[in-house]
Amino acid sequence: MDSQVRFSGFGGQGVILMGIVLARAAALYDRRVGGDGKEVRKSAIQTQSYGPSARGGHSKCDVKISDAEMLYPFVEVPDYLVIMSQQAYAKYIQERKPDTKIIIDPDLVFDRPKGDVYHISATTAAEETVGTRIVANVVMLGAFREISDIVSLESLERALLESVPKPTHDLNRSALKLGAKLASEAVEKRSKG
């Protein structure tokens, strides 16, 4: 099964790191047992692009994950669209299917799309709960994982800790778990109607 993911925001938010961590978790650490009892290994491809300026311009990172060999490396239409800025919303919101799951940070994305939408206040939660907005991307990554269930939390955490400086491990671990908690609350709230 293929999963196509697009993380988007503005330069400096850590959007590229989100994609790198997800691809690493899927390709290197996430192992599941298939219906035949054999271990299913995944492959992952990560691509990225920046707007006209590295900081402040739009930024996106695409990840394709599959149980089979992939012949085309690019995300055409994402199954999951994570949007962390209004500028990214304007640029990428049209690139979706009717059933694309959309995850937005409502404090930085002011338009409200229709469809299967989750509101995760990653920036505010990072600032108020963890103490710094610099890990808002990791909060959003934890929320994405909870909503998508594409990889296990353990494999995502392992990939994350290999991708960030050791002195920030506790901070990033807390941010990842906070994101998962926020997403669980959002899913529960949606199920209650």
C-alpha atoms as a PDB file:
ATOM      1  CA  MET A   1       0.000   0.000   0.000  1.00  0.00           C
ATOM      2  CA  ASP A   2       1.287   3.457  -0.902  1.00  0.00           C
ATOM      3  CA  SER A   3       0.989   6.560   1.264  1.00  0.00           C
ATOM      4  CA  GLN A   4       1.767  10.003  -0.096  1.00  0.00           C
ATOM      5  CA  VAL A   5       2.416  12.796   2.401  1.00  0.00           C
ATOM      6  CA  ARG A   6       3.086  16.508   1.951  1.00  0.00           C
ATOM      7  CA  PHE A   7       4.376  18.666   4.813  1.00  0.00           C
ATOM      8  CA  SER A   8       4.188  22.394   4.059  1.00  0.00           C
ATOM      9  CA  GLY A   9       4.864  25.683   5.805  1.00  0.00           C
ATOM     10  CA  PHE A  10       7.362  28.498   5.612  1.00  0.00           C
ATOM     11  CA  GLY A  11      11.141  28.246   5.654  1.00  0.00           C
ATOM     12  CA  GLY A  12      12.488  27.963   9.189  1.00  0.00           C
ATOM     13  CA  GLN A  13       9.598  25.919  10.613  1.00  0.00           C
ATOM     14  CA  GLY A  14      11.378  22.595  10.231  1.00  0.00           C
ATOM     15  CA  VAL A  15       9.097  21.219   7.516  1.00  0.00           C
ATOM     16  CA  ILE A  16      11.997  19.454   5.787  1.00  0.00           C
ATOM     17  CA  LEU A  17      13.036  17.783   9.045  1.00  0.00           C
ATOM     18  CA  MET A  18       9.506  16.411   9.410  1.00  0.00           C
ATOM     19  CA  GLY A  19       9.766  14.635   6.071  1.00  0.00           C
ATOM     20  CA  ILE A  20      13.281  13.365   6.672  1.00  0.00           C
ATOM     21  CA  VAL A  21      12.271  11.882  10.031  1.00  0.00           C
ATOM     22  CA  LEU A  22       9.130  10.233   8.620  1.00  0.00           C
ATOM     23  CA  ALA A  23      11.010   8.721   5.663  1.00  0.00           C
ATOM     24  CA  ARG A  24      13.791   7.451   7.927  1.00  0.00           C
ATOM     25  CA  ALA A  25      11.289   5.932  10.362  1.00  0.00           C
ATOM     26  CA  ALA A  26       9.416   4.160   7.566  1.00  0.00           C
ATOM     27  CA  ALA A  27      12.428   2.875   5.636  1.00  0.00           C
ATOM     28  CA  LEU A  28      14.755   1.932   8.484  1.00  0.00           C
ATOM     29  CA  TYR A  29      12.809   1.190  11.659  1.00  0.00           C
ATOM     30  CA  ASP A  30       9.141   0.464  11.076  1.00  0.00           C
ATOM     31  CA  ARG A  31       8.513  -3.255  10.781  1.00  0.00           C
ATOM     32  CA  ARG A  32       5.089  -4.810  10.626  1.00  0.00           C
ATOM     33  CA  VAL A  33       3.942  -8.382  10.194  1.00  0.00           C
ATOM     34  CA  GLY A  34       1.806  -9.021   7.124  1.00  0.00           C
ATOM     35  CA  GLY A  35      -1.174 -11.349   6.801  1.00  0.00           C
ATOM     36  CA  ASP A  36       1.136 -14.201   5.796  1.00  0.00           C
ATOM     37  CA  GLY A  37       3.150 -13.825   9.008  1.00  0.00           C
ATOM     38  CA  LYS A  38       6.186 -12.389   7.213  1.00  0.00           C
ATOM     39  CA  GLU A  39       7.818  -9.098   8.115  1.00  0.00           C
ATOM     40  CA  VAL A  40       6.783  -6.285   5.791  1.00  0.00           C
ATOM     41  CA  ARG A  41       9.581  -3.836   5.008  1.00  0.00           C
ATOM     42  CA  LYS A  42       8.735  -0.446   3.652  1.00  0.00           C
ATOM     43  CA  SER A  43      10.538   1.781   1.229  1.00  0.00           C
ATOM     44  CA  ALA A  44      10.398   5.567   1.400  1.00  0.00           C
ATOM     45  CA  ILE A  45      11.353   8.463  -0.835  1.00  0.00           C
ATOM     46  CA  GLN A  46      11.658  12.042   0.421  1.00  0.00           C
ATOM     47  CA  THR A  47      11.833  15.146  -1.789  1.00  0.00           C
ATOM     48  CA  GLN A  48      11.800  18.810  -0.839  1.00  0.00           C
ATOM     49  CA  SER A  49      11.464  22.274  -2.320  1.00  0.00           C
ATOM     50  CA  TYR A  50      11.831  25.830  -1.109  1.00  0.00           C
ATOM     51  CA  GLY A  51      10.276  29.104  -2.188  1.00  0.00           C
ATOM     52  CA  PRO A  52      12.265  32.115  -3.344  1.00  0.00           C
ATOM     53  CA  SER A  53      13.936  32.589   0.018  1.00  0.00           C
ATOM     54  CA  ALA A  54      15.033  29.866   2.419  1.00  0.00           C
ATOM     55  CA  ARG A  55      13.653  31.550   5.541  1.00  0.00           C
ATOM     56  CA  GLY A  56      10.169  32.938   5.283  1.00  0.00           C
ATOM     57  CA  GLY A  57       9.362  31.624   1.799  1.00  0.00           C
ATOM     58  CA  HIS A  58       7.086  28.629   1.314  1.00  0.00           C
ATOM     59  CA  SER A  59       8.593  25.226   1.924  1.00  0.00           C
ATOM     60  CA  LYS A  60       7.388  21.700   1.312  1.00  0.00           C
ATOM     61  CA  CYS A  61       8.637  18.216   1.900  1.00  0.00           C
ATOM     62  CA  ASP A  62       7.012  15.228   0.234  1.00  0.00           C
ATOM     63  CA  VAL A  63       7.304  11.626   1.378  1.00  0.00           C
ATOM     64  CA  LYS A  64       6.160   8.499  -0.444  1.00  0.00           C
ATOM     65  CA  ILE A  65       6.003   5.289   1.546  1.00  0.00           C
ATOM     66  CA  SER A  66       5.224   1.881   0.066  1.00  0.00           C
ATOM     67  CA  ASP A  67       5.357  -1.823   0.822  1.00  0.00           C
ATOM     68  CA  ALA A  68       6.353  -2.373  -2.814  1.00  0.00           C
ATOM     69  CA  GLU A  69       9.028  -1.037  -5.137  1.00  0.00           C
ATOM     70  CA  MET A  70       8.359   2.555  -6.194  1.00  0.00           C
ATOM     71  CA  LEU A  71       8.994   3.534  -9.785  1.00  0.00           C
ATOM     72  CA  TYR A  72       8.117   7.230  -9.525  1.00  0.00           C
ATOM     73  CA  PRO A  73       9.688   9.320  -6.742  1.00  0.00           C
ATOM     74  CA  PHE A  74       7.325  12.296  -6.563  1.00  0.00           C
ATOM     75  CA  VAL A  75       4.088  12.864  -4.663  1.00  0.00           C
ATOM     76  CA  GLU A  76       1.445  13.723  -7.227  1.00  0.00           C
ATOM     77  CA  VAL A  77      -1.624  14.144  -5.026  1.00  0.00           C
ATOM     78  CA  PRO A  78      -1.102  13.619  -1.286  1.00  0.00           C
ATOM     79  CA  ASP A  79      -3.148  11.310   0.900  1.00  0.00           C
ATOM     80  CA  TYR A  80      -2.109  13.513   3.839  1.00  0.00           C
ATOM     81  CA  LEU A  81      -1.559  17.255   3.586  1.00  0.00           C
ATOM     82  CA  VAL A  82      -0.005  18.948   6.628  1.00  0.00           C
ATOM     83  CA  ILE A  83      -0.141  22.750   6.437  1.00  0.00           C
ATOM     84  CA  MET A  84       1.667  25.000   8.922  1.00  0.00           C
ATOM     85  CA  SER A  85       1.299  28.471   7.338  1.00  0.00           C
ATOM     86  CA  GLN A  86      -1.220  30.553   5.403  1.00  0.00           C
ATOM     87  CA  GLN A  87       1.249  30.971   2.532  1.00  0.00           C
ATOM     88  CA  ALA A  88       1.619  27.185   2.221  1.00  0.00           C
ATOM     89  CA  TYR A  89      -2.155  26.816   2.396  1.00  0.00           C
ATOM     90  CA  ALA A  90      -2.599  29.180  -0.553  1.00  0.00           C
ATOM     91  CA  LYS A  91       0.063  27.347  -2.562  1.00  0.00           C
ATOM     92  CA  TYR A  92      -0.810  23.701  -1.872  1.00  0.00           C
ATOM     93  CA  ILE A  93      -4.469  23.369  -0.817  1.00  0.00           C
ATOM     94  CA  GLN A  94      -5.662  22.681  -4.372  1.00  0.00           C
ATOM     95  CA  GLU A  95      -3.314  19.699  -4.712  1.00  0.00           C
ATOM     96  CA  ARG A  96      -5.525  17.134  -3.006  1.00  0.00           C
ATOM     97  CA  LYS A  97      -8.147  14.445  -3.527  1.00  0.00           C
ATOM     98  CA  PRO A  98     -11.633  14.495  -1.998  1.00  0.00           C
ATOM     99  CA  ASP A  99     -10.463  12.001   0.648  1.00  0.00           C
ATOM    100  CA  THR A 100      -7.107  13.651   1.449  1.00  0.00           C
ATOM    101  CA  LYS A 101      -6.715  14.083   5.202  1.00  0.00           C
ATOM    102  CA  ILE A 102      -5.722  17.679   5.924  1.00  0.00           C
ATOM    103  CA  ILE A 103      -3.971  18.695   9.131  1.00  0.00           C
ATOM    104  CA  ILE A 104      -3.602  22.431   9.760  1.00  0.00           C
ATOM    105  CA  ASP A 105      -2.210  24.633  12.496  1.00  0.00           C
ATOM    106  CA  PRO A 106      -5.247  26.919  12.938  1.00  0.00           C
ATOM    107  CA  ASP A 107      -3.136  29.607  14.636  1.00  0.00           C
ATOM    108  CA  LEU A 108      -1.096  30.113  11.441  1.00  0.00           C
ATOM    109  CA  VAL A 109      -3.582  29.001   8.760  1.00  0.00           C
ATOM    110  CA  PHE A 110      -6.520  31.368   8.688  1.00  0.00           C
ATOM    111  CA  ASP A 111      -8.615  29.799   5.920  1.00  0.00           C
ATOM    112  CA  ARG A 112     -10.699  26.755   6.800  1.00  0.00           C
ATOM    113  CA  PRO A 113     -10.742  24.091   4.109  1.00  0.00           C
ATOM    114  CA  LYS A 114     -13.621  21.716   3.598  1.00  0.00           C
ATOM    115  CA  GLY A 115     -13.117  17.979   3.801  1.00  0.00           C
ATOM    116  CA  ASP A 116     -11.419  15.668   6.257  1.00  0.00           C
ATOM    117  CA  VAL A 117      -9.663  18.357   8.332  1.00  0.00           C
ATOM    118  CA  TYR A 118      -7.890  18.160  11.695  1.00  0.00           C
ATOM    119  CA  HIS A 119      -6.998  21.332  13.605  1.00  0.00           C
ATOM    120  CA  ILE A 120      -3.804  20.914  15.630  1.00  0.00           C
ATOM    121  CA  SER A 121      -2.537  24.078  17.348  1.00  0.00           C
ATOM    122  CA  ALA A 122       1.062  22.867  17.230  1.00  0.00           C
ATOM    123  CA  THR A 123       2.752  26.266  17.516  1.00  0.00           C
ATOM    124  CA  THR A 124       0.706  27.448  20.492  1.00  0.00           C
ATOM    125  CA  ALA A 125       0.953  24.071  22.226  1.00  0.00           C
ATOM    126  CA  ALA A 126       4.728  23.948  21.743  1.00  0.00           C
ATOM    127  CA  GLU A 127       5.096  27.423  23.201  1.00  0.00           C
ATOM    128  CA  GLU A 128       2.707  26.975  26.129  1.00  0.00           C
ATOM    129  CA  THR A 129       3.341  23.339  27.071  1.00  0.00           C
ATOM    130  CA  VAL A 130       6.927  22.576  26.051  1.00  0.00           C
ATOM    131  CA  GLY A 131       8.214  26.126  26.454  1.00  0.00           C
ATOM    132  CA  THR A 132       9.398  26.929  22.932  1.00  0.00           C
ATOM    133  CA  ARG A 133       7.799  27.179  19.510  1.00  0.00           C
ATOM    134  CA  ILE A 134      10.972  25.837  17.902  1.00  0.00           C
ATOM    135  CA  VAL A 135       9.564  22.292  18.274  1.00  0.00           C
ATOM    136  CA  ALA A 136       6.147  23.070  16.743  1.00  0.00           C
ATOM    137  CA  ASN A 137       7.161  20.918  13.780  1.00  0.00           C
ATOM    138  CA  VAL A 138       7.777  17.960  16.089  1.00  0.00           C
ATOM    139  CA  VAL A 139       4.427  18.522  17.813  1.00  0.00           C
ATOM    140  CA  MET A 140       2.782  18.470  14.367  1.00  0.00           C
ATOM    141  CA  LEU A 141       4.774  15.366  13.399  1.00  0.00           C
ATOM    142  CA  GLY A 142       3.485  13.558  16.486  1.00  0.00           C
ATOM    143  CA  ALA A 143      -0.063  14.602  15.621  1.00  0.00           C
ATOM    144  CA  PHE A 144       0.374  13.462  12.028  1.00  0.00           C
ATOM    145  CA  ARG A 145       1.612  10.064  13.191  1.00  0.00           C
ATOM    146  CA  GLU A 146      -1.379   9.629  15.474  1.00  0.00           C
ATOM    147  CA  ILE A 147      -3.848  10.558  12.715  1.00  0.00           C
ATOM    148  CA  SER A 148      -2.183   8.573   9.928  1.00  0.00           C
ATOM    149  CA  ASP A 149      -0.758   5.546  11.786  1.00  0.00           C
ATOM    150  CA  ILE A 150       1.657   5.137   8.848  1.00  0.00           C
ATOM    151  CA  VAL A 151       4.570   4.302  11.165  1.00  0.00           C
ATOM    152  CA  SER A 152       4.777   3.354  14.811  1.00  0.00           C
ATOM    153  CA  LEU A 153       5.454   5.999  17.442  1.00  0.00           C
ATOM    154  CA  GLU A 154       8.549   4.056  18.500  1.00  0.00           C
ATOM    155  CA  SER A 155      10.093   4.078  15.017  1.00  0.00           C
ATOM    156  CA  LEU A 156       9.265   7.758  14.561  1.00  0.00           C
ATOM    157  CA  GLU A 157      10.828   8.649  17.906  1.00  0.00           C
ATOM    158  CA  ARG A 158      13.954   6.660  17.087  1.00  0.00           C
ATOM    159  CA  ALA A 159      14.329   8.405  13.712  1.00  0.00           C
ATOM    160  CA  LEU A 160      13.707  11.790  15.330  1.00  0.00           C
ATOM    161  CA  LEU A 161      16.323  11.309  18.036  1.00  0.00           C
ATOM    162  CA  GLU A 162      18.883  10.333  15.389  1.00  0.00           C
ATOM    163  CA  SER A 163      18.099  13.543  13.479  1.00  0.00           C
ATOM    164  CA  VAL A 164      18.367  16.149  16.249  1.00  0.00           C
ATOM    165  CA  PRO A 165      21.233  17.138  18.586  1.00  0.00           C
ATOM    166  CA  LYS A 166      21.539  14.956  21.698  1.00  0.00           C
ATOM    167  CA  PRO A 167      21.017  17.871  24.156  1.00  0.00           C
ATOM    168  CA  THR A 168      17.526  18.381  22.626  1.00  0.00           C
ATOM    169  CA  HIS A 169      16.351  14.766  22.920  1.00  0.00           C
ATOM    170  CA  ASP A 170      14.122  15.290  25.966  1.00  0.00           C
ATOM    171  CA  LEU A 171      12.586  18.429  24.465  1.00  0.00           C
ATOM    172  CA  ASN A 172      11.855  16.688  21.153  1.00  0.00           C
ATOM    173  CA  ARG A 173      10.538  13.541  22.833  1.00  0.00           C
ATOM    174  CA  SER A 174       8.111  15.688  24.869  1.00  0.00           C
ATOM    175  CA  ALA A 175       7.007  17.567  21.742  1.00  0.00           C
ATOM    176  CA  LEU A 176       6.346  14.327  19.828  1.00  0.00           C
ATOM    177  CA  LYS A 177       4.222  12.927  22.655  1.00  0.00           C
ATOM    178  CA  LEU A 178       2.361  16.228  23.005  1.00  0.00           C
ATOM    179  CA  GLY A 179       1.449  16.096  19.318  1.00  0.00           C
ATOM    180  CA  ALA A 180       0.150  12.548  19.665  1.00  0.00           C
ATOM    181  CA  LYS A 181      -1.975  13.634  22.630  1.00  0.00           C
ATOM    182  CA  LEU A 182      -3.403  16.632  20.747  1.00  0.00           C
ATOM    183  CA  ALA A 183      -4.299  14.435  17.789  1.00  0.00           C
ATOM    184  CA  SER A 184      -5.957  11.829  20.013  1.00  0.00           C
ATOM    185  CA  GLU A 185      -8.082  14.592  21.531  1.00  0.00           C
ATOM    186  CA  ALA A 186      -8.953  15.957  18.064  1.00  0.00           C
ATOM    187  CA  VAL A 187      -9.948  12.505  16.798  1.00  0.00           C
ATOM    188  CA  GLU A 188     -12.062  11.862  19.901  1.00  0.00           C
ATOM    189  CA  LYS A 189     -13.753  15.254  19.572  1.00  0.00           C
ATOM    190  CA  ARG A 190     -14.590  14.548  15.922  1.00  0.00           C
ATOM    191  CA  SER A 191     -16.045  11.128  16.774  1.00  0.00           C
ATOM    192  CA  LYS A 192     -18.391  12.723  19.308  1.00  0.00           C
ATOM    193  CA  GLY A 193     -19.617  15.015  16.565  1.00  0.00           C
END
